[in-house]
Amino acid sequence: MSQAITAGRPQIRRTKSEYLVLYDQLSCTLQRLGKQGDQVTSITPA
């Protein structure tokens, strides 16, 4: 799409990624994802 078509509309990205993270690295990983603008929708134990 060109910029003119999407002007005024929010950009929606529907990408799903899964990460397997050790518990002691969870906080650091969540902070990094947040800084990248990613949104965490679910956390489940492995």
C-alpha atoms as a PDB file:
ATOM      1  CA  MET A   1       0.000   0.000   0.000  1.00  0.00           C
ATOM      2  CA  SER A   2       1.107   3.498  -0.632  1.00  0.00           C
ATOM      3  CA  GLN A   3       1.431   6.078   2.111  1.00  0.00           C
ATOM      4  CA  ALA A   4      -1.517   8.061   0.715  1.00  0.00           C
ATOM      5  CA  ILE A   5      -3.915   5.134   1.074  1.00  0.00           C
ATOM      6  CA  THR A   6      -3.004   4.424   4.697  1.00  0.00           C
ATOM      7  CA  ALA A   7      -2.775   8.055   5.836  1.00  0.00           C
ATOM      8  CA  GLY A   8      -4.955   8.639   8.892  1.00  0.00           C
ATOM      9  CA  ARG A   9      -5.302   4.938   9.687  1.00  0.00           C
ATOM     10  CA  PRO A  10      -3.373   3.096  12.384  1.00  0.00           C
ATOM     11  CA  GLN A  11      -0.924   0.541  11.067  1.00  0.00           C
ATOM     12  CA  ILE A  12      -1.959  -2.950  12.162  1.00  0.00           C
ATOM     13  CA  ARG A  13       0.648  -5.683  12.255  1.00  0.00           C
ATOM     14  CA  ARG A  14      -0.654  -9.157  13.028  1.00  0.00           C
ATOM     15  CA  THR A  15       2.494 -11.155  13.543  1.00  0.00           C
ATOM     16  CA  LYS A  16       2.629 -13.924  16.108  1.00  0.00           C
ATOM     17  CA  SER A  17       5.925 -15.035  17.602  1.00  0.00           C
ATOM     18  CA  GLU A  18       6.619 -17.471  20.396  1.00  0.00           C
ATOM     19  CA  TYR A  19       9.615 -17.290  22.717  1.00  0.00           C
ATOM     20  CA  LEU A  20      10.908 -19.902  25.134  1.00  0.00           C
ATOM     21  CA  VAL A  21      12.655 -17.989  27.925  1.00  0.00           C
ATOM     22  CA  LEU A  22      14.202 -19.123  31.192  1.00  0.00           C
ATOM     23  CA  TYR A  23      12.416 -17.734  34.251  1.00  0.00           C
ATOM     24  CA  ASP A  24      15.440 -15.731  35.390  1.00  0.00           C
ATOM     25  CA  GLN A  25      15.569 -14.026  31.964  1.00  0.00           C
ATOM     26  CA  LEU A  26      11.833 -13.299  31.760  1.00  0.00           C
ATOM     27  CA  SER A  27      11.918  -9.733  33.102  1.00  0.00           C
ATOM     28  CA  CYS A  28      14.798  -8.707  30.839  1.00  0.00           C
ATOM     29  CA  THR A  29      13.104 -10.253  27.804  1.00  0.00           C
ATOM     30  CA  LEU A  30       9.783  -8.538  28.548  1.00  0.00           C
ATOM     31  CA  GLN A  31      11.542  -5.183  28.890  1.00  0.00           C
ATOM     32  CA  ARG A  32      13.372  -5.698  25.590  1.00  0.00           C
ATOM     33  CA  LEU A  33      10.168  -6.624  23.769  1.00  0.00           C
ATOM     34  CA  GLY A  34       8.411  -3.584  25.224  1.00  0.00           C
ATOM     35  CA  LYS A  35      11.175  -1.266  24.056  1.00  0.00           C
ATOM     36  CA  GLN A  36      10.810  -2.727  20.559  1.00  0.00           C
ATOM     37  CA  GLY A  37       7.108  -1.891  20.636  1.00  0.00           C
ATOM     38  CA  ASP A  38       5.979  -5.505  20.825  1.00  0.00           C
ATOM     39  CA  GLN A  39       2.936  -6.468  22.865  1.00  0.00           C
ATOM     40  CA  VAL A  40       2.942  -9.614  25.006  1.00  0.00           C
ATOM     41  CA  THR A  41      -0.483 -11.246  24.941  1.00  0.00           C
ATOM     42  CA  SER A  42       0.143 -14.398  26.962  1.00  0.00           C
ATOM     43  CA  ILE A  43       2.709 -15.985  29.256  1.00  0.00           C
ATOM     44  CA  THR A  44       2.449 -19.700  30.022  1.00  0.00           C
ATOM     45  CA  PRO A  45       4.816 -22.091  31.805  1.00  0.00           C
ATOM     46  CA  ALA A  46       6.621 -24.538  29.524  1.00  0.00           C
END
